[in-house]
Amino acid sequence: AILDGLEEALEITARSGARLHVYH
């Protein structure tokens, strides 16, 4: 489900305005 995990991270930062970094 890695693509779902990425989409959640993208949503969190798009809605909040924070910059995004993916660990490991």
PDB file of all heavy atoms in Angstrom:
ATOM      1  N   ALA A   1       0.828  -1.215   0.000  1.00  0.00           N
ATOM      2  CA  ALA A   1       0.000   0.000   0.000  1.00  0.00           C
ATOM      3  C   ALA A   1       0.857   1.258   0.000  1.00  0.00           C
ATOM      4  O   ALA A   1       0.413   2.320   0.434  1.00  0.00           O
ATOM      5  CB  ALA A   1      -0.940  -0.006   1.194  1.00  0.00           C
ATOM      6  N   ILE A   2       2.078   1.184  -0.523  1.00  0.00           N
ATOM      7  CA  ILE A   2       2.989   2.327  -0.482  1.00  0.00           C
ATOM      8  C   ILE A   2       2.413   3.542  -1.204  1.00  0.00           C
ATOM      9  O   ILE A   2       2.604   4.684  -0.768  1.00  0.00           O
ATOM     10  CB  ILE A   2       4.371   1.950  -1.057  1.00  0.00           C
ATOM     11  CG1 ILE A   2       5.367   3.108  -0.868  1.00  0.00           C
ATOM     12  CG2 ILE A   2       4.286   1.523  -2.519  1.00  0.00           C
ATOM     13  CD1 ILE A   2       6.792   2.749  -1.230  1.00  0.00           C
ATOM     14  N   LEU A   3       1.692   3.334  -2.290  1.00  0.00           N
ATOM     15  CA  LEU A   3       1.113   4.472  -3.009  1.00  0.00           C
ATOM     16  C   LEU A   3       0.053   5.156  -2.164  1.00  0.00           C
ATOM     17  O   LEU A   3      -0.076   6.392  -2.192  1.00  0.00           O
ATOM     18  CB  LEU A   3       0.547   4.023  -4.352  1.00  0.00           C
ATOM     19  CG  LEU A   3       1.603   3.533  -5.351  1.00  0.00           C
ATOM     20  CD1 LEU A   3       0.931   2.876  -6.550  1.00  0.00           C
ATOM     21  CD2 LEU A   3       2.497   4.673  -5.796  1.00  0.00           C
ATOM     22  N   ASP A   4      -0.707   4.384  -1.388  1.00  0.00           N
ATOM     23  CA  ASP A   4      -1.669   4.981  -0.466  1.00  0.00           C
ATOM     24  C   ASP A   4      -0.952   5.768   0.627  1.00  0.00           C
ATOM     25  O   ASP A   4      -1.403   6.850   1.022  1.00  0.00           O
ATOM     26  CB  ASP A   4      -2.539   3.893   0.173  1.00  0.00           C
ATOM     27  CG  ASP A   4      -3.427   3.187  -0.832  1.00  0.00           C
ATOM     28  OD1 ASP A   4      -3.740   3.793  -1.875  1.00  0.00           O
ATOM     29  OD2 ASP A   4      -3.792   2.023  -0.583  1.00  0.00           O
ATOM     30  N   GLY A   5       0.157   5.212   1.124  1.00  0.00           N
ATOM     31  CA  GLY A   5       0.932   5.924   2.135  1.00  0.00           C
ATOM     32  C   GLY A   5       1.443   7.254   1.615  1.00  0.00           C
ATOM     33  O   GLY A   5       1.403   8.274   2.313  1.00  0.00           O
ATOM     34  N   LEU A   6       1.926   7.260   0.375  1.00  0.00           N
ATOM     35  CA  LEU A   6       2.406   8.500  -0.225  1.00  0.00           C
ATOM     36  C   LEU A   6       1.266   9.494  -0.406  1.00  0.00           C
ATOM     37  O   LEU A   6       1.428  10.694  -0.135  1.00  0.00           O
ATOM     38  CB  LEU A   6       3.086   8.209  -1.563  1.00  0.00           C
ATOM     39  CG  LEU A   6       3.575   9.436  -2.336  1.00  0.00           C
ATOM     40  CD1 LEU A   6       4.614  10.215  -1.546  1.00  0.00           C
ATOM     41  CD2 LEU A   6       4.133   9.011  -3.696  1.00  0.00           C
ATOM     42  N   GLU A   7       0.122   9.010  -0.868  1.00  0.00           N
ATOM     43  CA  GLU A   7      -1.002   9.927  -1.076  1.00  0.00           C
ATOM     44  C   GLU A   7      -1.431  10.575   0.236  1.00  0.00           C
ATOM     45  O   GLU A   7      -1.792  11.764   0.254  1.00  0.00           O
ATOM     46  CB  GLU A   7      -2.178   9.178  -1.713  1.00  0.00           C
ATOM     47  CG  GLU A   7      -1.962   8.812  -3.172  1.00  0.00           C
ATOM     48  CD  GLU A   7      -1.633  10.014  -4.051  1.00  0.00           C
ATOM     49  OE1 GLU A   7      -2.229  11.096  -3.863  1.00  0.00           O
ATOM     50  OE2 GLU A   7      -0.760   9.863  -4.923  1.00  0.00           O
ATOM     51  N   GLU A   8      -1.404   9.826   1.334  1.00  0.00           N
ATOM     52  CA  GLU A   8      -1.742  10.437   2.621  1.00  0.00           C
ATOM     53  C   GLU A   8      -0.751  11.535   2.973  1.00  0.00           C
ATOM     54  O   GLU A   8      -1.141  12.629   3.417  1.00  0.00           O
ATOM     55  CB  GLU A   8      -1.776   9.390   3.730  1.00  0.00           C
ATOM     56  CG  GLU A   8      -2.174  10.008   5.066  1.00  0.00           C
ATOM     57  CD  GLU A   8      -2.051   9.061   6.247  1.00  0.00           C
ATOM     58  OE1 GLU A   8      -1.120   8.233   6.243  1.00  0.00           O
ATOM     59  OE2 GLU A   8      -2.886   9.163   7.171  1.00  0.00           O
ATOM     60  N   ALA A   9       0.537  11.272   2.787  1.00  0.00           N
ATOM     61  CA  ALA A   9       1.552  12.284   3.090  1.00  0.00           C
ATOM     62  C   ALA A   9       1.366  13.521   2.218  1.00  0.00           C
ATOM     63  O   ALA A   9       1.506  14.665   2.689  1.00  0.00           O
ATOM     64  CB  ALA A   9       2.944  11.696   2.898  1.00  0.00           C
ATOM     65  N   LEU A  10       1.057  13.318   0.940  1.00  0.00           N
ATOM     66  CA  LEU A  10       0.807  14.448   0.041  1.00  0.00           C
ATOM     67  C   LEU A  10      -0.426  15.233   0.473  1.00  0.00           C
ATOM     68  O   LEU A  10      -0.441  16.468   0.433  1.00  0.00           O
ATOM     69  CB  LEU A  10       0.648  13.945  -1.391  1.00  0.00           C
ATOM     70  CG  LEU A  10       1.904  13.394  -2.065  1.00  0.00           C
ATOM     71  CD1 LEU A  10       1.552  12.712  -3.379  1.00  0.00           C
ATOM     72  CD2 LEU A  10       2.933  14.502  -2.296  1.00  0.00           C
ATOM     73  N   GLU A  11      -1.466  14.521   0.908  1.00  0.00           N
ATOM     74  CA  GLU A  11      -2.685  15.203   1.367  1.00  0.00           C
ATOM     75  C   GLU A  11      -2.423  16.021   2.623  1.00  0.00           C
ATOM     76  O   GLU A  11      -2.877  17.174   2.745  1.00  0.00           O
ATOM     77  CB  GLU A  11      -3.788  14.179   1.635  1.00  0.00           C
ATOM     78  CG  GLU A  11      -5.073  14.811   2.156  1.00  0.00           C
ATOM     79  CD  GLU A  11      -6.148  13.803   2.525  1.00  0.00           C
ATOM     80  OE1 GLU A  11      -5.994  12.607   2.185  1.00  0.00           O
ATOM     81  OE2 GLU A  11      -7.148  14.218   3.166  1.00  0.00           O
ATOM     82  N   ILE A  12      -1.701  15.427   3.577  1.00  0.00           N
ATOM     83  CA  ILE A  12      -1.419  16.130   4.829  1.00  0.00           C
ATOM     84  C   ILE A  12      -0.693  17.442   4.561  1.00  0.00           C
ATOM     85  O   ILE A  12      -1.033  18.492   5.128  1.00  0.00           O
ATOM     86  CB  ILE A  12      -0.597  15.226   5.771  1.00  0.00           C
ATOM     87  CG1 ILE A  12      -1.465  14.080   6.295  1.00  0.00           C
ATOM     88  CG2 ILE A  12      -0.011  16.022   6.941  1.00  0.00           C
ATOM     89  CD1 ILE A  12      -0.681  12.961   6.941  1.00  0.00           C
ATOM     90  N   THR A  13       0.299  17.407   3.694  1.00  0.00           N
ATOM     91  CA  THR A  13       1.074  18.619   3.437  1.00  0.00           C
ATOM     92  C   THR A  13       0.332  19.592   2.518  1.00  0.00           C
ATOM     93  O   THR A  13       0.470  20.809   2.669  1.00  0.00           O
ATOM     94  CB  THR A  13       2.446  18.256   2.851  1.00  0.00           C
ATOM     95  OG1 THR A  13       2.296  17.326   1.772  1.00  0.00           O
ATOM     96  CG2 THR A  13       3.329  17.622   3.917  1.00  0.00           C
ATOM     97  N   ALA A  14      -0.467  19.083   1.583  1.00  0.00           N
ATOM     98  CA  ALA A  14      -1.245  19.983   0.729  1.00  0.00           C
ATOM     99  C   ALA A  14      -2.277  20.743   1.551  1.00  0.00           C
ATOM    100  O   ALA A  14      -2.472  21.956   1.370  1.00  0.00           O
ATOM    101  CB  ALA A  14      -1.929  19.192  -0.383  1.00  0.00           C
ATOM    102  N   ARG A  15      -2.950  20.065   2.461  1.00  0.00           N
ATOM    103  CA  ARG A  15      -3.988  20.710   3.269  1.00  0.00           C
ATOM    104  C   ARG A  15      -3.415  21.620   4.342  1.00  0.00           C
ATOM    105  O   ARG A  15      -4.022  22.641   4.696  1.00  0.00           O
ATOM    106  CB  ARG A  15      -4.885  19.649   3.904  1.00  0.00           C
ATOM    107  CG  ARG A  15      -5.782  18.916   2.923  1.00  0.00           C
ATOM    108  CD  ARG A  15      -6.489  17.738   3.571  1.00  0.00           C
ATOM    109  NE  ARG A  15      -7.280  18.120   4.739  1.00  0.00           N
ATOM    110  CZ  ARG A  15      -7.848  17.255   5.580  1.00  0.00           C
ATOM    111  NH1 ARG A  15      -7.686  15.940   5.372  1.00  0.00           N
ATOM    112  NH2 ARG A  15      -8.538  17.683   6.615  1.00  0.00           N
ATOM    113  N   SER A  16      -2.253  21.271   4.873  1.00  0.00           N
ATOM    114  CA  SER A  16      -1.693  22.049   5.983  1.00  0.00           C
ATOM    115  C   SER A  16      -0.748  23.149   5.533  1.00  0.00           C
ATOM    116  O   SER A  16      -0.559  24.133   6.246  1.00  0.00           O
ATOM    117  CB  SER A  16      -0.943  21.115   6.941  1.00  0.00           C
ATOM    118  OG  SER A  16       0.218  20.575   6.315  1.00  0.00           O
ATOM    119  N   GLY A  17      -0.103  22.958   4.383  1.00  0.00           N
ATOM    120  CA  GLY A  17       0.897  23.923   3.914  1.00  0.00           C
ATOM    121  C   GLY A  17       2.309  23.602   4.348  1.00  0.00           C
ATOM    122  O   GLY A  17       3.242  24.351   4.023  1.00  0.00           O
ATOM    123  N   ALA A  18       2.499  22.509   5.082  1.00  0.00           N
ATOM    124  CA  ALA A  18       3.859  22.121   5.493  1.00  0.00           C
ATOM    125  C   ALA A  18       4.621  21.533   4.313  1.00  0.00           C
ATOM    126  O   ALA A  18       4.032  20.996   3.371  1.00  0.00           O
ATOM    127  CB  ALA A  18       3.799  21.104   6.627  1.00  0.00           C
ATOM    128  N   ARG A  19       5.924  21.636   4.354  1.00  0.00           N
ATOM    129  CA  ARG A  19       6.777  20.973   3.371  1.00  0.00           C
ATOM    130  C   ARG A  19       6.853  19.485   3.709  1.00  0.00           C
ATOM    131  O   ARG A  19       6.602  19.092   4.840  1.00  0.00           O
ATOM    132  CB  ARG A  19       8.170  21.599   3.366  1.00  0.00           C
ATOM    133  CG  ARG A  19       8.146  23.068   2.955  1.00  0.00           C
ATOM    134  CD  ARG A  19       9.543  23.668   2.866  1.00  0.00           C
ATOM    135  NE  ARG A  19      10.144  23.863   4.169  1.00  0.00           N
ATOM    136  CZ  ARG A  19      11.423  23.660   4.451  1.00  0.00           C
ATOM    137  NH1 ARG A  19      12.246  23.194   3.504  1.00  0.00           N
ATOM    138  NH2 ARG A  19      11.905  23.884   5.647  1.00  0.00           N
ATOM    139  N   LEU A  20       7.208  18.661   2.727  1.00  0.00           N
ATOM    140  CA  LEU A  20       7.170  17.205   2.913  1.00  0.00           C
ATOM    141  C   LEU A  20       8.539  16.574   2.736  1.00  0.00           C
ATOM    142  O   LEU A  20       9.277  16.901   1.808  1.00  0.00           O
ATOM    143  CB  LEU A  20       6.195  16.568   1.908  1.00  0.00           C
ATOM    144  CG  LEU A  20       6.122  15.024   1.907  1.00  0.00           C
ATOM    145  CD1 LEU A  20       5.687  14.486   3.255  1.00  0.00           C
ATOM    146  CD2 LEU A  20       5.192  14.539   0.803  1.00  0.00           C
ATOM    147  N   HIS A  21       8.839  15.649   3.642  1.00  0.00           N
ATOM    148  CA  HIS A  21      10.036  14.821   3.531  1.00  0.00           C
ATOM    149  C   HIS A  21       9.636  13.391   3.886  1.00  0.00           C
ATOM    150  O   HIS A  21       8.982  13.150   4.909  1.00  0.00           O
ATOM    151  CB  HIS A  21      11.123  15.305   4.488  1.00  0.00           C
ATOM    152  CG  HIS A  21      12.419  14.562   4.378  1.00  0.00           C
ATOM    153  ND1 HIS A  21      13.559  15.132   3.851  1.00  0.00           N
ATOM    154  CD2 HIS A  21      12.768  13.301   4.726  1.00  0.00           C
ATOM    155  CE1 HIS A  21      14.546  14.249   3.877  1.00  0.00           C
ATOM    156  NE2 HIS A  21      14.083  13.121   4.405  1.00  0.00           N
ATOM    157  N   VAL A  22      10.040  12.435   3.065  1.00  0.00           N
ATOM    158  CA  VAL A  22       9.743  11.020   3.297  1.00  0.00           C
ATOM    159  C   VAL A  22      10.976  10.353   3.892  1.00  0.00           C
ATOM    160  O   VAL A  22      12.050  10.350   3.279  1.00  0.00           O
ATOM    161  CB  VAL A  22       9.329  10.316   1.992  1.00  0.00           C
ATOM    162  CG1 VAL A  22       9.112   8.825   2.240  1.00  0.00           C
ATOM    163  CG2 VAL A  22       8.070  10.954   1.415  1.00  0.00           C
ATOM    164  N   TYR A  23      10.809   9.808   5.092  1.00  0.00           N
ATOM    165  CA  TYR A  23      11.895   9.076   5.734  1.00  0.00           C
ATOM    166  C   TYR A  23      12.185   7.777   4.975  1.00  0.00           C
ATOM    167  O   TYR A  23      11.296   7.130   4.435  1.00  0.00           O
ATOM    168  CB  TYR A  23      11.503   8.686   7.155  1.00  0.00           C
ATOM    169  CG  TYR A  23      11.820   9.667   8.247  1.00  0.00           C
ATOM    170  CD1 TYR A  23      10.914   9.893   9.282  1.00  0.00           C
ATOM    171  CD2 TYR A  23      13.036  10.339   8.297  1.00  0.00           C
ATOM    172  CE1 TYR A  23      11.202  10.760  10.332  1.00  0.00           C
ATOM    173  CE2 TYR A  23      13.339  11.217   9.336  1.00  0.00           C
ATOM    174  CZ  TYR A  23      12.416  11.421  10.358  1.00  0.00           C
ATOM    175  OH  TYR A  23      12.717  12.272  11.387  1.00  0.00           O
ATOM    176  N   HIS A  24      13.443   7.370   4.978  1.00  0.00           N
ATOM    177  CA  HIS A  24      13.963   6.107   4.429  1.00  0.00           C
ATOM    178  C   HIS A  24      13.085   5.567   3.292  1.00  0.00           C
ATOM    179  O   HIS A  24      12.454   4.514   3.415  1.00  0.00           O
ATOM    180  CB  HIS A  24      14.191   5.051   5.504  1.00  0.00           C
ATOM    181  CG  HIS A  24      13.086   4.855   6.501  1.00  0.00           C
ATOM    182  ND1 HIS A  24      11.765   4.678   6.166  1.00  0.00           N
ATOM    183  CD2 HIS A  24      13.133   4.763   7.853  1.00  0.00           C
ATOM    184  CE1 HIS A  24      11.048   4.498   7.256  1.00  0.00           C
ATOM    185  NE2 HIS A  24      11.860   4.543   8.289  1.00  0.00           N
TER     186      HIS A  24
END
